[in-house]
Amino acid sequence: MTQSAIVTKIIGNDKAEVTVERASACGANCASCGAGCAYNKQVTAIAINRVYAKVGDRVTLSTHSSRIISAALLVYIFPLVMFFAGYALSRALNLSEEASVALSLGSLFLGGVIVALYQRFFGKKRGISFEIISID
C-alpha cells in the first residue's frame, strides 16, 4: 500500500517524521455526505528514509498491506466474534434473554479489553512500519 506524505523532520540518518493528510470518506464532497468529517486530519508517523528525503519534500510511503489488514481484523472483527461467542454460549446454557444480552455485551466488552491490552503490550513490537520509497 502506498500513499503520499510530506517530510516534517529528519530523525537520525535513516528515519524521518512524515505527515499524511487523511482523505475524507466522501471524497471531499462533504456537503452531500453529512458525516461531519469536513476537517482535514493530519496523521504523523515515523518512516524509514533510505532515499535521503529532506524536510518539506513530498514523498511516497509504502507499507505492507497485510499488516494493515490484520490490524483492522483485530480491532473490528475480534470483538464482534467475541460478541457472537458470548451469545452462543448463553443459548447453549439456556439462559434467559436478559442474561443472554448481558453475556453477549460482556463478551463484546471483553473483546475490546483484550484488543487494547494486546496493542499496549505487543503493538510497538509488531506495529505498522512505513518506508519512504520515492521523492515526488
C-alpha atoms as a PDB file:
ATOM      1  CA  MET A   1       0.000   0.000   0.000  1.00  0.00           C
ATOM      2  CA  THR A   2       1.349   3.435  -0.899  1.00  0.00           C
ATOM      3  CA  GLN A   3       0.326   6.971  -0.013  1.00  0.00           C
ATOM      4  CA  SER A   4       1.673  10.494  -0.259  1.00  0.00           C
ATOM      5  CA  ALA A   5       3.192  12.380   2.656  1.00  0.00           C
ATOM      6  CA  ILE A   6       5.335  15.407   3.479  1.00  0.00           C
ATOM      7  CA  VAL A   7       8.571  15.144   5.456  1.00  0.00           C
ATOM      8  CA  THR A   8       8.376  17.369   8.547  1.00  0.00           C
ATOM      9  CA  LYS A   9      11.519  16.376  10.451  1.00  0.00           C
ATOM     10  CA  ILE A  10      14.665  14.293   9.933  1.00  0.00           C
ATOM     11  CA  ILE A  11      15.415  11.844  12.740  1.00  0.00           C
ATOM     12  CA  GLY A  12      18.930  10.445  12.608  1.00  0.00           C
ATOM     13  CA  ASN A  13      20.447   9.172   9.385  1.00  0.00           C
ATOM     14  CA  ASP A  14      17.775   6.725   8.335  1.00  0.00           C
ATOM     15  CA  LYS A  15      14.409   7.948   9.684  1.00  0.00           C
ATOM     16  CA  ALA A  16      12.085  10.853   9.063  1.00  0.00           C
ATOM     17  CA  GLU A  17       8.882  12.153  10.579  1.00  0.00           C
ATOM     18  CA  VAL A  18       6.203  12.461   7.920  1.00  0.00           C
ATOM     19  CA  THR A  19       2.733  13.963   7.879  1.00  0.00           C
ATOM     20  CA  VAL A  20      -0.030  12.245   5.957  1.00  0.00           C
ATOM     21  CA  GLU A  21      -3.299  14.025   5.252  1.00  0.00           C
ATOM     22  CA  ARG A  22      -6.170  11.615   5.694  1.00  0.00           C
ATOM     23  CA  ALA A  23      -8.771  11.840   2.958  1.00  0.00           C
ATOM     24  CA  SER A  24     -12.419  12.009   3.925  1.00  0.00           C
ATOM     25  CA  ALA A  25     -14.627   9.021   3.233  1.00  0.00           C
ATOM     26  CA  CYS A  26     -16.916  11.087   0.985  1.00  0.00           C
ATOM     27  CA  GLY A  27     -14.169  12.045  -1.465  1.00  0.00           C
ATOM     28  CA  ALA A  28     -14.021  15.716  -0.374  1.00  0.00           C
ATOM     29  CA  ASN A  29     -17.713  16.242  -1.223  1.00  0.00           C
ATOM     30  CA  CYS A  30     -18.558  16.730   2.431  1.00  0.00           C
ATOM     31  CA  ALA A  31     -21.642  18.871   1.822  1.00  0.00           C
ATOM     32  CA  SER A  32     -23.524  15.903   0.380  1.00  0.00           C
ATOM     33  CA  CYS A  33     -22.211  13.410   2.930  1.00  0.00           C
ATOM     34  CA  GLY A  34     -23.221  14.897   6.281  1.00  0.00           C
ATOM     35  CA  ALA A  35     -20.846  12.610   8.199  1.00  0.00           C
ATOM     36  CA  GLY A  36     -19.069  15.502   9.880  1.00  0.00           C
ATOM     37  CA  CYS A  37     -15.599  14.734   8.577  1.00  0.00           C
ATOM     38  CA  ALA A  38     -15.158  18.024   6.715  1.00  0.00           C
ATOM     39  CA  TYR A  39     -11.979  18.901   8.560  1.00  0.00           C
ATOM     40  CA  ASN A  40      -8.712  17.547   7.188  1.00  0.00           C
ATOM     41  CA  LYS A  41      -6.991  15.445   9.779  1.00  0.00           C
ATOM     42  CA  GLN A  42      -3.250  15.039   9.578  1.00  0.00           C
ATOM     43  CA  VAL A  43      -1.513  11.976  10.940  1.00  0.00           C
ATOM     44  CA  THR A  44       2.157  11.945  11.880  1.00  0.00           C
ATOM     45  CA  ALA A  45       4.316   8.823  11.579  1.00  0.00           C
ATOM     46  CA  ILE A  46       7.961   7.800  11.580  1.00  0.00           C
ATOM     47  CA  ALA A  47       9.246   6.320   8.314  1.00  0.00           C
ATOM     48  CA  ILE A  48      12.478   4.704   7.202  1.00  0.00           C
ATOM     49  CA  ASN A  49      14.265   7.226   4.971  1.00  0.00           C
ATOM     50  CA  ARG A  50      16.620   5.343   2.635  1.00  0.00           C
ATOM     51  CA  VAL A  51      16.118   7.820  -0.218  1.00  0.00           C
ATOM     52  CA  TYR A  52      17.500  10.735   1.853  1.00  0.00           C
ATOM     53  CA  ALA A  53      14.400  12.912   1.638  1.00  0.00           C
ATOM     54  CA  LYS A  54      14.691  16.357   3.214  1.00  0.00           C
ATOM     55  CA  VAL A  55      12.268  18.444   5.265  1.00  0.00           C
ATOM     56  CA  GLY A  56       9.487  19.755   3.035  1.00  0.00           C
ATOM     57  CA  ASP A  57       9.833  17.033   0.380  1.00  0.00           C
ATOM     58  CA  ARG A  58       6.644  15.378  -0.840  1.00  0.00           C
ATOM     59  CA  VAL A  59       7.296  11.640  -0.727  1.00  0.00           C
ATOM     60  CA  THR A  60       5.591   8.316  -1.372  1.00  0.00           C
ATOM     61  CA  LEU A  61       5.299   5.962   1.604  1.00  0.00           C
ATOM     62  CA  SER A  62       4.986   2.207   1.388  1.00  0.00           C
ATOM     63  CA  THR A  63       3.804  -0.311   3.944  1.00  0.00           C
ATOM     64  CA  HIS A  64       2.792  -3.959   3.923  1.00  0.00           C
ATOM     65  CA  SER A  65      -0.936  -4.284   3.274  1.00  0.00           C
ATOM     66  CA  SER A  66      -1.064  -7.486   5.318  1.00  0.00           C
ATOM     67  CA  ARG A  67      -0.138  -5.584   8.494  1.00  0.00           C
ATOM     68  CA  ILE A  68      -2.918  -3.059   7.927  1.00  0.00           C
ATOM     69  CA  ILE A  69      -5.490  -5.747   7.193  1.00  0.00           C
ATOM     70  CA  SER A  70      -4.508  -7.818  10.232  1.00  0.00           C
ATOM     71  CA  ALA A  71      -4.708  -4.719  12.458  1.00  0.00           C
ATOM     72  CA  ALA A  72      -8.174  -3.916  11.118  1.00  0.00           C
ATOM     73  CA  LEU A  73      -9.311  -7.505  11.693  1.00  0.00           C
ATOM     74  CA  LEU A  74      -8.016  -7.435  15.234  1.00  0.00           C
ATOM     75  CA  VAL A  75      -9.665  -4.131  16.131  1.00  0.00           C
ATOM     76  CA  TYR A  76     -13.019  -4.569  14.381  1.00  0.00           C
ATOM     77  CA  ILE A  77     -13.687  -8.278  13.924  1.00  0.00           C
ATOM     78  CA  PHE A  78     -12.321  -9.866  17.119  1.00  0.00           C
ATOM     79  CA  PRO A  79     -14.741  -8.057  19.494  1.00  0.00           C
ATOM     80  CA  LEU A  80     -17.612  -8.936  17.154  1.00  0.00           C
ATOM     81  CA  VAL A  81     -16.609 -12.609  17.191  1.00  0.00           C
ATOM     82  CA  MET A  82     -16.471 -12.434  20.985  1.00  0.00           C
ATOM     83  CA  PHE A  83     -19.999 -10.953  20.989  1.00  0.00           C
ATOM     84  CA  PHE A  84     -21.418 -13.853  18.973  1.00  0.00           C
ATOM     85  CA  ALA A  85     -19.447 -16.403  21.004  1.00  0.00           C
ATOM     86  CA  GLY A  86     -20.983 -14.964  24.171  1.00  0.00           C
ATOM     87  CA  TYR A  87     -24.439 -15.214  22.651  1.00  0.00           C
ATOM     88  CA  ALA A  88     -23.847 -18.808  21.510  1.00  0.00           C
ATOM     89  CA  LEU A  89     -22.626 -19.735  24.986  1.00  0.00           C
ATOM     90  CA  SER A  90     -25.675 -18.147  26.603  1.00  0.00           C
ATOM     91  CA  ARG A  91     -28.023 -20.045  24.292  1.00  0.00           C
ATOM     92  CA  ALA A  92     -26.163 -23.320  24.939  1.00  0.00           C
ATOM     93  CA  LEU A  93     -26.631 -22.744  28.674  1.00  0.00           C
ATOM     94  CA  ASN A  94     -30.358 -21.934  28.152  1.00  0.00           C
ATOM     95  CA  LEU A  95     -30.044 -18.566  29.871  1.00  0.00           C
ATOM     96  CA  SER A  96     -32.863 -16.031  29.843  1.00  0.00           C
ATOM     97  CA  GLU A  97     -32.988 -13.342  27.184  1.00  0.00           C
ATOM     98  CA  GLU A  98     -31.732 -10.690  29.598  1.00  0.00           C
ATOM     99  CA  ALA A  99     -28.834 -12.895  30.679  1.00  0.00           C
ATOM    100  CA  SER A 100     -28.036 -13.643  27.018  1.00  0.00           C
ATOM    101  CA  VAL A 101     -27.890  -9.942  26.203  1.00  0.00           C
ATOM    102  CA  ALA A 102     -25.742  -9.257  29.268  1.00  0.00           C
ATOM    103  CA  LEU A 103     -23.323 -12.092  28.453  1.00  0.00           C
ATOM    104  CA  SER A 104     -23.111 -11.026  24.804  1.00  0.00           C
ATOM    105  CA  LEU A 105     -22.376  -7.405  25.684  1.00  0.00           C
ATOM    106  CA  GLY A 106     -19.922  -8.509  28.359  1.00  0.00           C
ATOM    107  CA  SER A 107     -18.132 -10.651  25.767  1.00  0.00           C
ATOM    108  CA  LEU A 108     -18.018  -7.703  23.364  1.00  0.00           C
ATOM    109  CA  PHE A 109     -16.509  -5.532  26.108  1.00  0.00           C
ATOM    110  CA  LEU A 110     -14.026  -8.288  26.995  1.00  0.00           C
ATOM    111  CA  GLY A 111     -13.006  -8.493  23.328  1.00  0.00           C
ATOM    112  CA  GLY A 112     -12.311  -4.746  23.322  1.00  0.00           C
ATOM    113  CA  VAL A 113     -10.246  -5.054  26.509  1.00  0.00           C
ATOM    114  CA  ILE A 114      -8.237  -7.932  25.010  1.00  0.00           C
ATOM    115  CA  VAL A 115      -7.523  -5.859  21.878  1.00  0.00           C
ATOM    116  CA  ALA A 116      -6.461  -2.851  23.982  1.00  0.00           C
ATOM    117  CA  LEU A 117      -4.136  -4.992  26.114  1.00  0.00           C
ATOM    118  CA  TYR A 118      -2.683  -6.666  23.038  1.00  0.00           C
ATOM    119  CA  GLN A 119      -1.972  -3.273  21.475  1.00  0.00           C
ATOM    120  CA  ARG A 120      -0.438  -1.988  24.693  1.00  0.00           C
ATOM    121  CA  PHE A 121       1.977  -4.892  25.144  1.00  0.00           C
ATOM    122  CA  PHE A 122       2.623  -6.073  21.580  1.00  0.00           C
ATOM    123  CA  GLY A 123       1.653  -3.106  19.393  1.00  0.00           C
ATOM    124  CA  LYS A 124       5.088  -1.463  19.381  1.00  0.00           C
ATOM    125  CA  LYS A 125       6.873  -4.709  18.538  1.00  0.00           C
ATOM    126  CA  ARG A 126       4.521  -5.687  15.720  1.00  0.00           C
ATOM    127  CA  GLY A 127       3.470  -2.206  14.658  1.00  0.00           C
ATOM    128  CA  ILE A 128       2.980  -0.968  11.133  1.00  0.00           C
ATOM    129  CA  SER A 129       6.241   0.273   9.648  1.00  0.00           C
ATOM    130  CA  PHE A 130       6.462   2.846   6.886  1.00  0.00           C
ATOM    131  CA  GLU A 131       9.229   3.346   4.350  1.00  0.00           C
ATOM    132  CA  ILE A 132       9.826   6.280   2.027  1.00  0.00           C
ATOM    133  CA  ILE A 133      10.212   4.747  -1.418  1.00  0.00           C
ATOM    134  CA  SER A 134      10.461   7.863  -3.585  1.00  0.00           C
ATOM    135  CA  ILE A 135      10.605  11.637  -3.578  1.00  0.00           C
ATOM    136  CA  ASP A 136       7.821  13.120  -5.709  1.00  0.00           C
END
